N, C-alpha and C. Protein backbone atom coordinates (compact mmCIF):
# COMPACT_ATOMS: atom_id res chain seq x y z
N MET A 1 114.46 81.71 43.86
CA MET A 1 115.62 82.49 43.48
C MET A 1 115.14 83.71 42.70
N ASN A 2 115.54 84.86 43.15
CA ASN A 2 115.19 86.09 42.46
C ASN A 2 116.26 86.43 41.43
N ARG A 3 115.84 87.01 40.33
CA ARG A 3 116.79 87.49 39.33
C ARG A 3 116.74 89.01 39.34
N ASP A 4 117.11 89.59 40.48
CA ASP A 4 117.06 91.04 40.66
C ASP A 4 118.47 91.61 40.59
N SER A 5 118.57 92.83 40.08
CA SER A 5 119.83 93.53 40.04
C SER A 5 119.54 95.03 40.00
N GLY A 6 119.91 95.74 41.05
CA GLY A 6 119.62 97.17 41.09
C GLY A 6 118.13 97.43 41.07
N ASN A 7 117.67 98.19 40.09
CA ASN A 7 116.25 98.49 39.96
C ASN A 7 115.50 97.43 39.16
N LEU A 8 116.22 96.51 38.53
CA LEU A 8 115.60 95.47 37.72
C LEU A 8 114.97 94.40 38.60
N ARG A 9 113.72 94.09 38.35
CA ARG A 9 113.02 93.03 39.07
C ARG A 9 112.71 91.93 38.07
N GLY A 10 113.48 90.85 38.13
CA GLY A 10 113.30 89.75 37.19
C GLY A 10 112.31 88.72 37.69
N ARG A 11 112.24 87.61 36.98
CA ARG A 11 111.34 86.53 37.35
C ARG A 11 111.94 85.71 38.48
N MET A 12 111.06 85.13 39.29
CA MET A 12 111.50 84.28 40.38
C MET A 12 111.36 82.83 39.95
N THR A 13 112.32 82.01 40.32
CA THR A 13 112.26 80.59 40.02
C THR A 13 112.54 79.80 41.29
N ILE A 14 112.12 78.56 41.29
CA ILE A 14 112.38 77.68 42.42
C ILE A 14 113.47 76.70 42.02
N LYS A 15 114.59 76.75 42.71
CA LYS A 15 115.69 75.82 42.44
C LYS A 15 116.12 75.10 43.70
N ALA A 16 115.53 75.44 44.83
CA ALA A 16 115.94 74.84 46.09
C ALA A 16 115.26 73.49 46.26
N GLY A 17 115.81 72.66 47.13
CA GLY A 17 115.23 71.36 47.40
C GLY A 17 115.68 70.31 46.41
N ARG A 18 115.13 69.14 46.57
CA ARG A 18 115.51 68.02 45.72
C ARG A 18 114.71 68.04 44.43
N ALA A 19 115.41 67.99 43.31
CA ALA A 19 114.77 68.08 42.00
C ALA A 19 113.82 66.91 41.76
N ALA A 20 114.19 65.71 42.18
CA ALA A 20 113.34 64.54 41.96
C ALA A 20 112.02 64.68 42.72
N VAL A 21 112.08 65.22 43.92
CA VAL A 21 110.85 65.42 44.70
C VAL A 21 109.99 66.48 44.05
N ARG A 22 110.60 67.57 43.59
CA ARG A 22 109.85 68.62 42.91
C ARG A 22 109.16 68.08 41.67
N ARG A 23 109.87 67.29 40.88
CA ARG A 23 109.28 66.72 39.65
C ARG A 23 108.11 65.80 40.00
N SER A 24 108.28 64.97 41.02
CA SER A 24 107.21 64.05 41.42
C SER A 24 105.99 64.81 41.91
N LEU A 25 106.20 65.83 42.72
CA LEU A 25 105.08 66.64 43.20
C LEU A 25 104.37 67.35 42.05
N TYR A 26 105.16 67.86 41.10
CA TYR A 26 104.58 68.56 39.96
C TYR A 26 103.65 67.62 39.19
N MET A 27 104.14 66.42 38.88
CA MET A 27 103.32 65.49 38.11
C MET A 27 102.09 65.05 38.90
N ALA A 28 102.26 64.83 40.22
CA ALA A 28 101.13 64.43 41.05
C ALA A 28 100.06 65.52 41.08
N VAL A 29 100.48 66.77 41.14
CA VAL A 29 99.52 67.87 41.18
C VAL A 29 98.85 68.08 39.82
N VAL A 30 99.58 67.89 38.74
CA VAL A 30 98.97 68.02 37.42
C VAL A 30 97.84 66.99 37.27
N VAL A 31 98.08 65.76 37.73
CA VAL A 31 97.05 64.73 37.69
C VAL A 31 95.91 65.08 38.64
N ALA A 32 96.24 65.57 39.83
CA ALA A 32 95.20 65.94 40.80
C ALA A 32 94.33 67.07 40.28
N ILE A 33 94.92 68.04 39.61
CA ILE A 33 94.15 69.15 39.05
C ILE A 33 93.19 68.64 37.98
N ARG A 34 93.59 67.63 37.28
CA ARG A 34 92.74 67.09 36.22
C ARG A 34 91.61 66.20 36.75
N TRP A 35 91.87 65.42 37.79
CA TRP A 35 90.91 64.40 38.21
C TRP A 35 90.30 64.62 39.59
N ASN A 36 90.94 65.36 40.48
CA ASN A 36 90.40 65.55 41.83
C ASN A 36 89.62 66.86 41.86
N ARG A 37 88.35 66.79 42.27
CA ARG A 37 87.49 67.99 42.20
C ARG A 37 87.96 69.09 43.13
N ASP A 38 88.54 68.75 44.31
CA ASP A 38 89.00 69.78 45.24
C ASP A 38 90.20 70.54 44.66
N PHE A 39 91.16 69.80 44.13
CA PHE A 39 92.32 70.45 43.54
C PHE A 39 91.95 71.20 42.26
N LYS A 40 91.00 70.66 41.51
CA LYS A 40 90.55 71.33 40.29
C LYS A 40 89.91 72.67 40.62
N SER A 41 89.06 72.70 41.66
CA SER A 41 88.41 73.96 42.01
C SER A 41 89.41 74.94 42.62
N PHE A 42 90.37 74.44 43.42
CA PHE A 42 91.40 75.30 43.99
C PHE A 42 92.22 75.96 42.89
N TYR A 43 92.65 75.15 41.92
CA TYR A 43 93.43 75.66 40.79
C TYR A 43 92.59 76.65 39.97
N GLY A 44 91.34 76.33 39.73
CA GLY A 44 90.46 77.22 38.97
C GLY A 44 90.24 78.55 39.66
N ARG A 45 90.11 78.52 40.99
CA ARG A 45 89.95 79.78 41.75
C ARG A 45 91.18 80.66 41.59
N LEU A 46 92.37 80.05 41.70
CA LEU A 46 93.59 80.83 41.57
C LEU A 46 93.74 81.41 40.17
N ARG A 47 93.43 80.60 39.15
CA ARG A 47 93.52 81.09 37.78
C ARG A 47 92.51 82.20 37.52
N ALA A 48 91.31 82.07 38.09
CA ALA A 48 90.28 83.10 37.92
C ALA A 48 90.68 84.40 38.60
N ALA A 49 91.50 84.28 39.66
CA ALA A 49 91.98 85.46 40.37
C ALA A 49 93.14 86.13 39.63
N GLY A 50 93.57 85.54 38.50
CA GLY A 50 94.61 86.16 37.69
C GLY A 50 96.01 85.62 37.94
N LYS A 51 96.13 84.55 38.70
CA LYS A 51 97.46 83.98 38.96
C LYS A 51 97.94 83.24 37.72
N PRO A 52 99.23 83.32 37.43
CA PRO A 52 99.78 82.53 36.31
C PRO A 52 99.67 81.03 36.61
N SER A 53 99.68 80.25 35.56
CA SER A 53 99.51 78.80 35.68
C SER A 53 100.53 78.16 36.61
N LYS A 54 101.80 78.52 36.44
CA LYS A 54 102.85 77.91 37.27
C LYS A 54 102.72 78.31 38.74
N VAL A 55 102.27 79.50 39.01
CA VAL A 55 102.06 79.94 40.40
C VAL A 55 100.93 79.15 41.02
N ALA A 56 99.85 78.94 40.26
CA ALA A 56 98.72 78.16 40.77
C ALA A 56 99.12 76.71 40.99
N ILE A 57 99.94 76.15 40.12
CA ILE A 57 100.40 74.77 40.28
C ILE A 57 101.30 74.66 41.51
N THR A 58 102.17 75.64 41.72
CA THR A 58 103.05 75.63 42.89
C THR A 58 102.23 75.71 44.18
N ALA A 59 101.17 76.51 44.18
CA ALA A 59 100.30 76.60 45.36
C ALA A 59 99.60 75.27 45.60
N ALA A 60 99.20 74.60 44.53
CA ALA A 60 98.56 73.29 44.66
C ALA A 60 99.56 72.25 45.16
N MET A 61 100.83 72.38 44.76
CA MET A 61 101.87 71.48 45.26
C MET A 61 102.00 71.64 46.78
N ARG A 62 102.00 72.87 47.24
CA ARG A 62 102.09 73.12 48.68
C ARG A 62 100.88 72.54 49.40
N LYS A 63 99.70 72.70 48.81
CA LYS A 63 98.48 72.16 49.40
C LYS A 63 98.56 70.63 49.49
N LEU A 64 99.12 69.99 48.46
CA LEU A 64 99.27 68.53 48.47
C LEU A 64 100.24 68.10 49.57
N ILE A 65 101.33 68.82 49.74
CA ILE A 65 102.30 68.49 50.80
C ILE A 65 101.63 68.58 52.17
N ILE A 66 100.86 69.62 52.40
CA ILE A 66 100.18 69.79 53.68
C ILE A 66 99.18 68.66 53.90
N LEU A 67 98.46 68.28 52.85
CA LEU A 67 97.49 67.18 52.95
C LEU A 67 98.19 65.87 53.30
N VAL A 68 99.28 65.57 52.61
CA VAL A 68 100.01 64.32 52.87
C VAL A 68 100.58 64.31 54.29
N ASN A 69 101.15 65.43 54.73
CA ASN A 69 101.69 65.50 56.09
C ASN A 69 100.59 65.29 57.13
N THR A 70 99.42 65.85 56.90
CA THR A 70 98.31 65.68 57.84
C THR A 70 97.85 64.23 57.89
N LEU A 71 97.75 63.59 56.72
CA LEU A 71 97.33 62.19 56.69
C LEU A 71 98.34 61.30 57.40
N LEU A 72 99.62 61.57 57.22
CA LEU A 72 100.64 60.78 57.90
C LEU A 72 100.60 61.02 59.41
N LYS A 73 100.43 62.27 59.80
CA LYS A 73 100.41 62.61 61.22
C LYS A 73 99.24 61.96 61.94
N GLU A 74 98.08 61.93 61.29
CA GLU A 74 96.89 61.37 61.89
C GLU A 74 96.74 59.87 61.62
N ASP A 75 97.68 59.31 60.87
CA ASP A 75 97.70 57.87 60.55
C ASP A 75 96.36 57.42 59.97
N ARG A 76 95.94 58.11 58.91
CA ARG A 76 94.69 57.72 58.26
C ARG A 76 94.85 57.78 56.74
N LEU A 77 93.93 57.14 56.05
CA LEU A 77 93.93 57.13 54.60
C LEU A 77 93.12 58.30 54.08
N TRP A 78 93.41 58.69 52.84
CA TRP A 78 92.67 59.79 52.22
C TRP A 78 91.28 59.30 51.83
N SER A 79 90.30 60.15 51.99
CA SER A 79 88.95 59.87 51.50
C SER A 79 88.40 61.16 50.92
N PRO A 80 87.51 61.04 49.93
CA PRO A 80 86.97 62.26 49.30
C PRO A 80 86.21 63.15 50.27
N THR A 81 85.61 62.56 51.30
CA THR A 81 84.89 63.35 52.29
C THR A 81 85.68 63.34 53.60
N PRO A 82 85.95 64.50 54.19
CA PRO A 82 86.71 64.54 55.43
C PRO A 82 85.95 63.84 56.57
N PRO A 83 86.68 63.33 57.56
CA PRO A 83 86.01 62.63 58.66
C PRO A 83 85.22 63.57 59.56
């Protein structure tokens, strides 16, 4: 959701989708950033590139969704090393 009016460009927020799912994804990604080396390096790269913390977390949430969808589609379990 943009908070724009005329020439004013405000901050963007995410309000779409189910709040419970967003909260669950947020907490899962915060844990993944802390303990999973792939998510930690992805988050670190985004922060080093100058992205704000919440933007980097949102990008990691999207990455987690893509990973989960791929694992479900291929009917396999997650492993630290790809097959």
